[in-house]
Amino acid sequence: SLSDQLEVTANQDFTLNLPTNMEIGDWLAFIFVQDNVGNRNL
């Protein structure tokens, strides 16, 4: 309900949970960006 495009810059290992407030047919883009260290697991 907040946005159709989400972005996070990870500075640690990261877990993506199932979204909320989406209806059948909805799309959501998730952009995962490494910080300046890198090697953050998703």
PDB file of all heavy atoms in Angstrom:
ATOM      1  N   SER A   1       0.814  -1.212   0.000  1.00  0.00           N
ATOM      2  CA  SER A   1       0.000   0.000   0.000  1.00  0.00           C
ATOM      3  C   SER A   1       0.848   1.262   0.000  1.00  0.00           C
ATOM      4  O   SER A   1       0.342   2.356  -0.234  1.00  0.00           O
ATOM      5  CB  SER A   1      -0.929   0.018   1.220  1.00  0.00           C
ATOM      6  OG  SER A   1      -0.196   0.199   2.420  1.00  0.00           O
ATOM      7  N   LEU A   2       2.150   1.116   0.270  1.00  0.00           N
ATOM      8  CA  LEU A   2       3.027   2.281   0.369  1.00  0.00           C
ATOM      9  C   LEU A   2       3.661   2.645  -0.957  1.00  0.00           C
ATOM     10  O   LEU A   2       3.851   3.823  -1.256  1.00  0.00           O
ATOM     11  CB  LEU A   2       4.124   2.034   1.413  1.00  0.00           C
ATOM     12  CG  LEU A   2       3.649   1.772   2.847  1.00  0.00           C
ATOM     13  CD1 LEU A   2       4.841   1.549   3.749  1.00  0.00           C
ATOM     14  CD2 LEU A   2       2.800   2.934   3.342  1.00  0.00           C
ATOM     15  N   SER A   3       4.011   1.657  -1.749  1.00  0.00           N
ATOM     16  CA  SER A   3       4.690   1.938  -3.000  1.00  0.00           C
ATOM     17  C   SER A   3       4.711   0.692  -3.859  1.00  0.00           C
ATOM     18  O   SER A   3       4.513  -0.427  -3.372  1.00  0.00           O
ATOM     19  CB  SER A   3       6.123   2.417  -2.755  1.00  0.00           C
ATOM     20  OG  SER A   3       6.775   2.706  -3.970  1.00  0.00           O
ATOM     21  N   ASP A   4       4.938   0.901  -5.162  1.00  0.00           N
ATOM     22  CA  ASP A   4       5.106  -0.223  -6.076  1.00  0.00           C
ATOM     23  C   ASP A   4       6.574  -0.525  -6.319  1.00  0.00           C
ATOM     24  O   ASP A   4       6.904  -1.491  -7.004  1.00  0.00           O
ATOM     25  CB  ASP A   4       4.432   0.081  -7.421  1.00  0.00           C
ATOM     26  CG  ASP A   4       2.944   0.315  -7.262  1.00  0.00           C
ATOM     27  OD1 ASP A   4       2.311  -0.439  -6.505  1.00  0.00           O
ATOM     28  OD2 ASP A   4       2.413   1.263  -7.866  1.00  0.00           O
ATOM     29  N   GLN A   5       7.471   0.331  -5.790  1.00  0.00           N
ATOM     30  CA  GLN A   5       8.908   0.143  -5.963  1.00  0.00           C
ATOM     31  C   GLN A   5       9.605   0.408  -4.629  1.00  0.00           C
ATOM     32  O   GLN A   5       9.458   1.485  -4.067  1.00  0.00           O
ATOM     33  CB  GLN A   5       9.462   1.093  -7.030  1.00  0.00           C
ATOM     34  CG  GLN A   5       8.844   0.914  -8.408  1.00  0.00           C
ATOM     35  CD  GLN A   5       9.494   1.839  -9.410  1.00  0.00           C
ATOM     36  OE1 GLN A   5      10.648   1.679  -9.770  1.00  0.00           O
ATOM     37  NE2 GLN A   5       8.747   2.835  -9.868  1.00  0.00           N
ATOM     38  N   LEU A   6      10.324  -0.577  -4.133  1.00  0.00           N
ATOM     39  CA  LEU A   6      11.022  -0.460  -2.867  1.00  0.00           C
ATOM     40  C   LEU A   6      12.515  -0.675  -3.087  1.00  0.00           C
ATOM     41  O   LEU A   6      12.908  -1.502  -3.900  1.00  0.00           O
ATOM     42  CB  LEU A   6      10.504  -1.501  -1.870  1.00  0.00           C
ATOM     43  CG  LEU A   6       8.995  -1.532  -1.633  1.00  0.00           C
ATOM     44  CD1 LEU A   6       8.643  -2.680  -0.697  1.00  0.00           C
ATOM     45  CD2 LEU A   6       8.509  -0.220  -1.063  1.00  0.00           C
ATOM     46  N   GLU A   7      13.337   0.055  -2.351  1.00  0.00           N
ATOM     47  CA  GLU A   7      14.790  -0.075  -2.489  1.00  0.00           C
ATOM     48  C   GLU A   7      15.439  -0.067  -1.118  1.00  0.00           C
ATOM     49  O   GLU A   7      15.053   0.708  -0.234  1.00  0.00           O
ATOM     50  CB  GLU A   7      15.353   1.079  -3.333  1.00  0.00           C
ATOM     51  CG  GLU A   7      16.866   1.024  -3.506  1.00  0.00           C
ATOM     52  CD  GLU A   7      17.391   2.141  -4.387  1.00  0.00           C
ATOM     53  OE1 GLU A   7      16.742   2.450  -5.410  1.00  0.00           O
ATOM     54  OE2 GLU A   7      18.451   2.707  -4.047  1.00  0.00           O
ATOM     55  N   VAL A   8      16.416  -0.946  -0.938  1.00  0.00           N
ATOM     56  CA  VAL A   8      17.184  -0.972   0.301  1.00  0.00           C
ATOM     57  C   VAL A   8      18.666  -1.070  -0.045  1.00  0.00           C
ATOM     58  O   VAL A   8      19.049  -1.780  -0.979  1.00  0.00           O
ATOM     59  CB  VAL A   8      16.762  -2.157   1.199  1.00  0.00           C
ATOM     60  CG1 VAL A   8      17.057  -3.494   0.544  1.00  0.00           C
ATOM     61  CG2 VAL A   8      17.431  -2.064   2.566  1.00  0.00           C
ATOM     62  N   THR A   9      19.489  -0.330   0.679  1.00  0.00           N
ATOM     63  CA  THR A   9      20.943  -0.486   0.593  1.00  0.00           C
ATOM     64  C   THR A   9      21.374  -1.263   1.826  1.00  0.00           C
ATOM     65  O   THR A   9      21.263  -0.771   2.949  1.00  0.00           O
ATOM     66  CB  THR A   9      21.645   0.884   0.532  1.00  0.00           C
ATOM     67  OG1 THR A   9      21.227   1.572  -0.648  1.00  0.00           O
ATOM     68  CG2 THR A   9      23.156   0.697   0.499  1.00  0.00           C
ATOM     69  N   ALA A  10      21.849  -2.487   1.606  1.00  0.00           N
ATOM     70  CA  ALA A  10      22.113  -3.415   2.710  1.00  0.00           C
ATOM     71  C   ALA A  10      23.517  -3.238   3.260  1.00  0.00           C
ATOM     72  O   ALA A  10      24.494  -3.235   2.511  1.00  0.00           O
ATOM     73  CB  ALA A  10      21.910  -4.849   2.231  1.00  0.00           C
ATOM     74  N   ASN A  11      23.621  -3.093   4.585  1.00  0.00           N
ATOM     75  CA  ASN A  11      24.931  -3.105   5.236  1.00  0.00           C
ATOM     76  C   ASN A  11      25.066  -4.315   6.162  1.00  0.00           C
ATOM     77  O   ASN A  11      25.906  -4.330   7.057  1.00  0.00           O
ATOM     78  CB  ASN A  11      25.171  -1.803   6.009  1.00  0.00           C
ATOM     79  CG  ASN A  11      24.103  -1.530   7.050  1.00  0.00           C
ATOM     80  OD1 ASN A  11      23.441  -2.461   7.519  1.00  0.00           O
ATOM     81  ND2 ASN A  11      23.931  -0.272   7.411  1.00  0.00           N
ATOM     82  N   GLN A  12      24.197  -5.306   5.905  1.00  0.00           N
ATOM     83  CA  GLN A  12      24.240  -6.567   6.634  1.00  0.00           C
ATOM     84  C   GLN A  12      23.471  -7.605   5.811  1.00  0.00           C
ATOM     85  O   GLN A  12      22.824  -7.253   4.824  1.00  0.00           O
ATOM     86  CB  GLN A  12      23.587  -6.417   8.014  1.00  0.00           C
ATOM     87  CG  GLN A  12      22.141  -5.952   7.943  1.00  0.00           C
ATOM     88  CD  GLN A  12      21.561  -5.643   9.309  1.00  0.00           C
ATOM     89  OE1 GLN A  12      21.622  -6.468  10.212  1.00  0.00           O
ATOM     90  NE2 GLN A  12      21.021  -4.441   9.468  1.00  0.00           N
ATOM     91  N   ASP A  13      23.549  -8.875   6.203  1.00  0.00           N
ATOM     92  CA  ASP A  13      22.750  -9.886   5.530  1.00  0.00           C
ATOM     93  C   ASP A  13      21.269  -9.542   5.702  1.00  0.00           C
ATOM     94  O   ASP A  13      20.859  -9.000   6.736  1.00  0.00           O
ATOM     95  CB  ASP A  13      23.052 -11.268   6.092  1.00  0.00           C
ATOM     96  CG  ASP A  13      24.461 -11.742   5.719  1.00  0.00           C
ATOM     97  OD1 ASP A  13      25.068 -11.133   4.819  1.00  0.00           O
ATOM     98  OD2 ASP A  13      24.935 -12.712   6.331  1.00  0.00           O
ATOM     99  N   PHE A  14      20.471  -9.885   4.700  1.00  0.00           N
ATOM    100  CA  PHE A  14      19.113  -9.339   4.622  1.00  0.00           C
ATOM    101  C   PHE A  14      18.122 -10.432   4.227  1.00  0.00           C
ATOM    102  O   PHE A  14      18.420 -11.290   3.380  1.00  0.00           O
ATOM    103  CB  PHE A  14      19.099  -8.221   3.573  1.00  0.00           C
ATOM    104  CG  PHE A  14      17.855  -7.384   3.554  1.00  0.00           C
ATOM    105  CD1 PHE A  14      17.730  -6.283   4.386  1.00  0.00           C
ATOM    106  CD2 PHE A  14      16.806  -7.691   2.701  1.00  0.00           C
ATOM    107  CE1 PHE A  14      16.598  -5.507   4.371  1.00  0.00           C
ATOM    108  CE2 PHE A  14      15.667  -6.918   2.675  1.00  0.00           C
ATOM    109  CZ  PHE A  14      15.557  -5.823   3.512  1.00  0.00           C
ATOM    110  N   THR A  15      16.919 -10.405   4.839  1.00  0.00           N
ATOM    111  CA  THR A  15      15.853 -11.350   4.498  1.00  0.00           C
ATOM    112  C   THR A  15      14.639 -10.585   3.995  1.00  0.00           C
ATOM    113  O   THR A  15      14.202  -9.612   4.617  1.00  0.00           O
ATOM    114  CB  THR A  15      15.453 -12.192   5.726  1.00  0.00           C
ATOM    115  OG1 THR A  15      16.564 -12.968   6.156  1.00  0.00           O
ATOM    116  CG2 THR A  15      14.292 -13.123   5.375  1.00  0.00           C
ATOM    117  N   LEU A  16      14.105 -11.030   2.851  1.00  0.00           N
ATOM    118  CA  LEU A  16      12.903 -10.424   2.290  1.00  0.00           C
ATOM    119  C   LEU A  16      11.707 -11.312   2.617  1.00  0.00           C
ATOM    120  O   LEU A  16      11.642 -12.470   2.197  1.00  0.00           O
ATOM    121  CB  LEU A  16      13.031 -10.258   0.777  1.00  0.00           C
ATOM    122  CG  LEU A  16      11.833  -9.603   0.072  1.00  0.00           C
ATOM    123  CD1 LEU A  16      11.689  -8.154   0.511  1.00  0.00           C
ATOM    124  CD2 LEU A  16      11.984  -9.681  -1.440  1.00  0.00           C
ATOM    125  N   ASN A  17      10.761 -10.770   3.382  1.00  0.00           N
ATOM    126  CA  ASN A  17       9.566 -11.508   3.763  1.00  0.00           C
ATOM    127  C   ASN A  17       8.471 -11.349   2.712  1.00  0.00           C
ATOM    128  O   ASN A  17       8.567 -10.507   1.808  1.00  0.00           O
ATOM    129  CB  ASN A  17       9.056 -11.016   5.122  1.00  0.00           C
ATOM    130  CG  ASN A  17      10.090 -11.173   6.213  1.00  0.00           C
ATOM    131  OD1 ASN A  17      10.757 -12.193   6.286  1.00  0.00           O
ATOM    132  ND2 ASN A  17      10.226 -10.162   7.059  1.00  0.00           N
ATOM    133  N   LEU A  18       7.399 -12.120   2.848  1.00  0.00           N
ATOM    134  CA  LEU A  18       6.267 -11.982   1.935  1.00  0.00           C
ATOM    135  C   LEU A  18       5.612 -10.619   2.128  1.00  0.00           C
ATOM    136  O   LEU A  18       5.427 -10.163   3.260  1.00  0.00           O
ATOM    137  CB  LEU A  18       5.240 -13.082   2.194  1.00  0.00           C
ATOM    138  CG  LEU A  18       5.662 -14.516   1.886  1.00  0.00           C
ATOM    139  CD1 LEU A  18       4.521 -15.467   2.236  1.00  0.00           C
ATOM    140  CD2 LEU A  18       6.055 -14.685   0.425  1.00  0.00           C
ATOM    141  N   PRO A  19       5.234  -9.950   1.027  1.00  0.00           N
ATOM    142  CA  PRO A  19       4.617  -8.626   1.140  1.00  0.00           C
ATOM    143  C   PRO A  19       3.232  -8.692   1.773  1.00  0.00           C
ATOM    144  O   PRO A  19       2.587  -9.746   1.811  1.00  0.00           O
ATOM    145  CB  PRO A  19       4.525  -8.154  -0.319  1.00  0.00           C
ATOM    146  CG  PRO A  19       5.453  -9.030  -1.082  1.00  0.00           C
ATOM    147  CD  PRO A  19       5.450 -10.339  -0.366  1.00  0.00           C
ATOM    148  N   THR A  20       2.786  -7.556   2.238  1.00  0.00           N
ATOM    149  CA  THR A  20       1.409  -7.386   2.700  1.00  0.00           C
ATOM    150  C   THR A  20       0.702  -6.396   1.777  1.00  0.00           C
ATOM    151  O   THR A  20       1.332  -5.682   0.992  1.00  0.00           O
ATOM    152  CB  THR A  20       1.360  -6.860   4.141  1.00  0.00           C
ATOM    153  OG1 THR A  20       2.027  -5.587   4.193  1.00  0.00           O
ATOM    154  CG2 THR A  20       2.044  -7.815   5.097  1.00  0.00           C
ATOM    155  N   ASN A  21      -0.616  -6.350   1.874  1.00  0.00           N
ATOM    156  CA  ASN A  21      -1.438  -5.369   1.153  1.00  0.00           C
ATOM    157  C   ASN A  21      -1.217  -5.389  -0.357  1.00  0.00           C
ATOM    158  O   ASN A  21      -1.110  -4.347  -1.007  1.00  0.00           O
ATOM    159  CB  ASN A  21      -1.201  -3.950   1.696  1.00  0.00           C
ATOM    160  CG  ASN A  21      -1.597  -3.819   3.144  1.00  0.00           C
ATOM    161  OD1 ASN A  21      -2.656  -4.292   3.544  1.00  0.00           O
ATOM    162  ND2 ASN A  21      -0.749  -3.199   3.944  1.00  0.00           N
ATOM    163  N   MET A  22      -1.150  -6.590  -0.918  1.00  0.00           N
ATOM    164  CA  MET A  22      -1.126  -6.756  -2.368  1.00  0.00           C
ATOM    165  C   MET A  22      -2.320  -7.613  -2.776  1.00  0.00           C
ATOM    166  O   MET A  22      -2.678  -8.567  -2.076  1.00  0.00           O
ATOM    167  CB  MET A  22       0.171  -7.402  -2.837  1.00  0.00           C
ATOM    168  CG  MET A  22       1.388  -6.506  -2.747  1.00  0.00           C
ATOM    169  SD  MET A  22       2.907  -7.304  -3.361  1.00  0.00           S
ATOM    170  CE  MET A  22       2.537  -7.499  -5.114  1.00  0.00           C
ATOM    171  N   GLU A  23      -2.932  -7.258  -3.904  1.00  0.00           N
ATOM    172  CA  GLU A  23      -4.054  -8.015  -4.425  1.00  0.00           C
ATOM    173  C   GLU A  23      -3.596  -8.799  -5.652  1.00  0.00           C
ATOM    174  O   GLU A  23      -2.573  -8.481  -6.270  1.00  0.00           O
ATOM    175  CB  GLU A  23      -5.205  -7.074  -4.789  1.00  0.00           C
ATOM    176  CG  GLU A  23      -5.739  -6.295  -3.593  1.00  0.00           C
ATOM    177  CD  GLU A  23      -6.835  -5.331  -3.984  1.00  0.00           C
ATOM    178  OE1 GLU A  23      -7.203  -5.293  -5.183  1.00  0.00           O
ATOM    179  OE2 GLU A  23      -7.334  -4.613  -3.106  1.00  0.00           O
ATOM    180  N   ILE A  24      -4.347  -9.826  -6.004  1.00  0.00           N
ATOM    181  CA  ILE A  24      -4.008 -10.636  -7.165  1.00  0.00           C
ATOM    182  C   ILE A  24      -3.902  -9.743  -8.400  1.00  0.00           C
ATOM    183  O   ILE A  24      -4.793  -8.946  -8.689  1.00  0.00           O
ATOM    184  CB  ILE A  24      -5.057 -11.744  -7.374  1.00  0.00           C
ATOM    185  CG1 ILE A  24      -4.990 -12.747  -6.230  1.00  0.00           C
ATOM    186  CG2 ILE A  24      -4.836 -12.456  -8.709  1.00  0.00           C
ATOM    187  CD1 ILE A  24      -6.064 -13.811  -6.265  1.00  0.00           C
ATOM    188  N   GLY A  25      -2.783  -9.865  -9.090  1.00  0.00           N
ATOM    189  CA  GLY A  25      -2.523  -9.032 -10.266  1.00  0.00           C
ATOM    190  C   GLY A  25      -1.588  -7.871  -9.983  1.00  0.00           C
ATOM    191  O   GLY A  25      -1.078  -7.244 -10.916  1.00  0.00           O
ATOM    192  N   ASP A  26      -1.338  -7.567  -8.697  1.00  0.00           N
ATOM    193  CA  ASP A  26      -0.424  -6.482  -8.341  1.00  0.00           C
ATOM    194  C   ASP A  26       1.028  -6.913  -8.545  1.00  0.00           C
ATOM    195  O   ASP A  26       1.379  -8.089  -8.372  1.00  0.00           O
ATOM    196  CB  ASP A  26      -0.611  -6.064  -6.881  1.00  0.00           C
ATOM    197  CG  ASP A  26      -1.872  -5.248  -6.653  1.00  0.00           C
ATOM    198  OD1 ASP A  26      -2.513  -4.874  -7.652  1.00  0.00           O
ATOM    199  OD2 ASP A  26      -2.200  -4.992  -5.479  1.00  0.00           O
ATOM    200  N   TRP A  27       1.870  -5.939  -8.898  1.00  0.00           N
ATOM    201  CA  TRP A  27       3.310  -6.149  -9.040  1.00  0.00           C
ATOM    202  C   TRP A  27       4.048  -5.206  -8.096  1.00  0.00           C
ATOM    203  O   TRP A  27       3.587  -4.096  -7.817  1.00  0.00           O
ATOM    204  CB  TRP A  27       3.764  -5.872 -10.467  1.00  0.00           C
ATOM    205  CG  TRP A  27       3.363  -6.921 -11.460  1.00  0.00           C
ATOM    206  CD1 TRP A  27       2.160  -7.049 -12.088  1.00  0.00           C
ATOM    207  CD2 TRP A  27       4.188  -7.986 -11.941  1.00  0.00           C
ATOM    208  NE1 TRP A  27       2.171  -8.127 -12.927  1.00  0.00           N
ATOM    209  CE2 TRP A  27       3.415  -8.724 -12.868  1.00  0.00           C
ATOM    210  CE3 TRP A  27       5.498  -8.397 -11.693  1.00  0.00           C
ATOM    211  CZ2 TRP A  27       3.898  -9.837 -13.539  1.00  0.00           C
ATOM    212  CZ3 TRP A  27       5.989  -9.499 -12.357  1.00  0.00           C
ATOM    213  CH2 TRP A  27       5.196 -10.223 -13.268  1.00  0.00           C
ATOM    214  N   LEU A  28       5.207  -5.653  -7.642  1.00  0.00           N
ATOM    215  CA  LEU A  28       6.044  -4.832  -6.785  1.00  0.00           C
ATOM    216  C   LEU A  28       7.501  -5.072  -7.175  1.00  0.00           C
ATOM    217  O   LEU A  28       7.933  -6.221  -7.291  1.00  0.00           O
ATOM    218  CB  LEU A  28       5.807  -5.191  -5.317  1.00  0.00           C
ATOM    219  CG  LEU A  28       6.493  -4.322  -4.257  1.00  0.00           C
ATOM    220  CD1 LEU A  28       5.624  -4.293  -3.000  1.00  0.00           C
ATOM    221  CD2 LEU A  28       7.877  -4.848  -3.901  1.00  0.00           C
ATOM    222  N   ALA A  29       8.241  -3.990  -7.380  1.00  0.00           N
ATOM    223  CA  ALA A  29       9.669  -4.089  -7.697  1.00  0.00           C
ATOM    224  C   ALA A  29      10.476  -3.919  -6.414  1.00  0.00           C
ATOM    225  O   ALA A  29      10.227  -2.994  -5.638  1.00  0.00           O
ATOM    226  CB  ALA A  29      10.068  -3.030  -8.709  1.00  0.00           C
ATOM    227  N   PHE A  30      11.437  -4.820  -6.187  1.00  0.00           N
ATOM    228  CA  PHE A  30      12.311  -4.744  -5.022  1.00  0.00           C
ATOM    229  C   PHE A  30      13.752  -4.619  -5.508  1.00  0.00           C
ATOM    230  O   PHE A  30      14.256  -5.484  -6.231  1.00  0.00           O
ATOM    231  CB  PHE A  30      12.162  -5.994  -4.151  1.00  0.00           C
ATOM    232  CG  PHE A  30      13.121  -6.038  -2.993  1.00  0.00           C
ATOM    233  CD1 PHE A  30      13.031  -5.132  -1.955  1.00  0.00           C
ATOM    234  CD2 PHE A  30      14.122  -7.008  -2.951  1.00  0.00           C
ATOM    235  CE1 PHE A  30      13.925  -5.171  -0.899  1.00  0.00           C
ATOM    236  CE2 PHE A  30      15.015  -7.051  -1.892  1.00  0.00           C
ATOM    237  CZ  PHE A  30      14.912  -6.129  -0.868  1.00  0.00           C
ATOM    238  N   ILE A  31      14.399  -3.525  -5.121  1.00  0.00           N
ATOM    239  CA  ILE A  31      15.762  -3.234  -5.574  1.00  0.00           C
ATOM    240  C   ILE A  31      16.713  -3.401  -4.395  1.00  0.00           C
ATOM    241  O   ILE A  31      16.608  -2.697  -3.388  1.00  0.00           O
ATOM    242  CB  ILE A  31      15.858  -1.806  -6.141  1.00  0.00           C
ATOM    243  CG1 ILE A  31      14.827  -1.614  -7.255  1.00  0.00           C
ATOM    244  CG2 ILE A  31      17.263  -1.520  -6.661  1.00  0.00           C
ATOM    245  CD1 ILE A  31      14.624  -0.170  -7.656  1.00  0.00           C
ATOM    246  N   PHE A  32      17.636  -4.358  -4.526  1.00  0.00           N
ATOM    247  CA  PHE A  32      18.578  -4.694  -3.461  1.00  0.00           C
ATOM    248  C   PHE A  32      19.950  -4.152  -3.847  1.00  0.00           C
ATOM    249  O   PHE A  32      20.546  -4.581  -4.845  1.00  0.00           O
ATOM    250  CB  PHE A  32      18.634  -6.215  -3.279  1.00  0.00           C
ATOM    251  CG  PHE A  32      19.527  -6.677  -2.170  1.00  0.00           C
ATOM    252  CD1 PHE A  32      19.140  -6.554  -0.846  1.00  0.00           C
ATOM    253  CD2 PHE A  32      20.759  -7.266  -2.448  1.00  0.00           C
ATOM    254  CE1 PHE A  32      19.962  -7.000   0.179  1.00  0.00           C
ATOM    255  CE2 PHE A  32      21.592  -7.712  -1.436  1.00  0.00           C
ATOM    256  CZ  PHE A  32      21.190  -7.572  -0.108  1.00  0.00           C
ATOM    257  N   VAL A  33      20.476  -3.216  -3.060  1.00  0.00           N
ATOM    258  CA  VAL A  33      21.742  -2.549  -3.368  1.00  0.00           C
ATOM    259  C   VAL A  33      22.771  -2.908  -2.303  1.00  0.00           C
ATOM    260  O   VAL A  33      22.502  -2.798  -1.095  1.00  0.00           O
ATOM    261  CB  VAL A  33      21.562  -1.019  -3.426  1.00  0.00           C
ATOM    262  CG1 VAL A  33      22.867  -0.345  -3.845  1.00  0.00           C
ATOM    263  CG2 VAL A  33      20.433  -0.638  -4.380  1.00  0.00           C
ATOM    264  N   GLN A  34      23.941  -3.345  -2.751  1.00  0.00           N
ATOM    265  CA  GLN A  34      25.038  -3.603  -1.818  1.00  0.00           C
ATOM    266  C   GLN A  34      25.609  -2.270  -1.324  1.00  0.00           C
ATOM    267  O   GLN A  34      25.651  -1.288  -2.064  1.00  0.00           O
ATOM    268  CB  GLN A  34      26.144  -4.404  -2.506  1.00  0.00           C
ATOM    269  CG  GLN A  34      25.728  -5.764  -3.025  1.00  0.00           C
ATOM    270  CD  GLN A  34      25.644  -6.818  -1.936  1.00  0.00           C
ATOM    271  OE1 GLN A  34      26.059  -6.603  -0.791  1.00  0.00           O
ATOM    272  NE2 GLN A  34      25.110  -7.976  -2.288  1.00  0.00           N
ATOM    273  N   ASP A  35      26.050  -2.231  -0.062  1.00  0.00           N
ATOM    274  CA  ASP A  35      26.730  -1.036   0.414  1.00  0.00           C
ATOM    275  C   ASP A  35      28.150  -1.009  -0.142  1.00  0.00           C
ATOM    276  O   ASP A  35      28.490  -1.797  -1.032  1.00  0.00           O
ATOM    277  CB  ASP A  35      26.713  -0.977   1.945  1.00  0.00           C
ATOM    278  CG  ASP A  35      27.471  -2.133   2.589  1.00  0.00           C
ATOM    279  OD1 ASP A  35      28.087  -2.945   1.858  1.00  0.00           O
ATOM    280  OD2 ASP A  35      27.456  -2.235   3.832  1.00  0.00           O
ATOM    281  N   ASN A  36      28.981  -0.096   0.360  1.00  0.00           N
ATOM    282  CA  ASN A  36      30.327   0.036  -0.207  1.00  0.00           C
ATOM    283  C   ASN A  36      31.286  -1.065   0.249  1.00  0.00           C
ATOM    284  O   ASN A  36      32.468  -1.052  -0.099  1.00  0.00           O
ATOM    285  CB  ASN A  36      30.918   1.416   0.109  1.00  0.00           C
ATOM    286  CG  ASN A  36      30.942   1.712   1.595  1.00  0.00           C
ATOM    287  OD1 ASN A  36      30.718   0.829   2.418  1.00  0.00           O
ATOM    288  ND2 ASN A  36      31.200   2.962   1.938  1.00  0.00           N
ATOM    289  N   VAL A  37      30.771  -2.024   1.041  1.00  0.00           N
ATOM    290  CA  VAL A  37      31.564  -3.192   1.425  1.00  0.00           C
ATOM    291  C   VAL A  37      31.220  -4.372   0.521  1.00  0.00           C
ATOM    292  O   VAL A  37      32.088  -5.066   0.001  1.00  0.00           O
ATOM    293  CB  VAL A  37      31.328  -3.560   2.903  1.00  0.00           C
ATOM    294  CG1 VAL A  37      32.060  -4.855   3.262  1.00  0.00           C
ATOM    295  CG2 VAL A  37      31.770  -2.422   3.807  1.00  0.00           C
ATOM    296  N   GLY A  38      29.913  -4.592   0.304  1.00  0.00           N
ATOM    297  CA  GLY A  38      29.458  -5.676  -0.554  1.00  0.00           C
ATOM    298  C   GLY A  38      29.394  -7.023   0.156  1.00  0.00           C
ATOM    299  O   GLY A  38      29.588  -7.116   1.382  1.00  0.00           O
ATOM    300  N   ASN A  39      29.082  -8.063  -0.613  1.00  0.00           N
ATOM    301  CA  ASN A  39      28.975  -9.433  -0.099  1.00  0.00           C
ATOM    302  C   ASN A  39      27.890  -9.581   0.969  1.00  0.00           C
ATOM    303  O   ASN A  39      28.015 -10.406   1.882  1.00  0.00           O
ATOM    304  CB  ASN A  39      30.322  -9.924   0.448  1.00  0.00           C
ATOM    305  CG  ASN A  39      31.292 -10.257  -0.672  1.00  0.00           C
ATOM    306  OD1 ASN A  39      30.932 -10.899  -1.652  1.00  0.00           O
ATOM    307  ND2 ASN A  39      32.522  -9.781  -0.530  1.00  0.00           N
ATOM    308  N   ARG A  40      26.830  -8.778   0.871  1.00  0.00           N
ATOM    309  CA  ARG A  40      25.695  -8.927   1.780  1.00  0.00           C
ATOM    310  C   ARG A  40      24.751  -9.967   1.183  1.00  0.00           C
ATOM    311  O   ARG A  40      24.324  -9.847   0.032  1.00  0.00           O
ATOM    312  CB  ARG A  40      24.951  -7.601   1.958  1.00  0.00           C
ATOM    313  CG  ARG A  40      25.849  -6.415   2.325  1.00  0.00           C
ATOM    314  CD  ARG A  40      26.613  -6.641   3.624  1.00  0.00           C
ATOM    315  NE  ARG A  40      27.365  -5.443   4.004  1.00  0.00           N
ATOM    316  CZ  ARG A  40      28.157  -5.351   5.058  1.00  0.00           C
ATOM    317  NH1 ARG A  40      28.318  -6.403   5.855  1.00  0.00           N
ATOM    318  NH2 ARG A  40      28.790  -4.233   5.338  1.00  0.00           N
ATOM    319  N   ASN A  41      24.449 -10.993   1.943  1.00  0.00           N
ATOM    320  CA  ASN A  41      23.606 -12.073   1.443  1.00  0.00           C
ATOM    321  C   ASN A  41      22.137 -11.674   1.481  1.00  0.00           C
ATOM    322  O   ASN A  41      21.695 -10.949   2.377  1.00  0.00           O
ATOM    323  CB  ASN A  41      23.807 -13.340   2.280  1.00  0.00           C
ATOM    324  CG  ASN A  41      25.212 -13.912   2.140  1.00  0.00           C
ATOM    325  OD1 ASN A  41      25.759 -13.922   1.042  1.00  0.00           O
ATOM    326  ND2 ASN A  41      25.775 -14.372   3.244  1.00  0.00           N
ATOM    327  N   LEU A  42      21.379 -12.171   0.514  1.00  0.00           N
ATOM    328  CA  LEU A  42      19.950 -11.913   0.434  1.00  0.00           C
ATOM    329  C   LEU A  42      19.204 -13.235   0.502  1.00  0.00           C
ATOM    330  O   LEU A  42      19.424 -14.134  -0.312  1.00  0.00           O
ATOM    331  CB  LEU A  42      19.603 -11.178  -0.857  1.00  0.00           C
ATOM    332  CG  LEU A  42      18.117 -10.921  -1.135  1.00  0.00           C
ATOM    333  CD1 LEU A  42      17.495 -10.094  -0.013  1.00  0.00           C
ATOM    334  CD2 LEU A  42      17.945 -10.203  -2.478  1.00  0.00           C
TER     335      LEU A  42
END
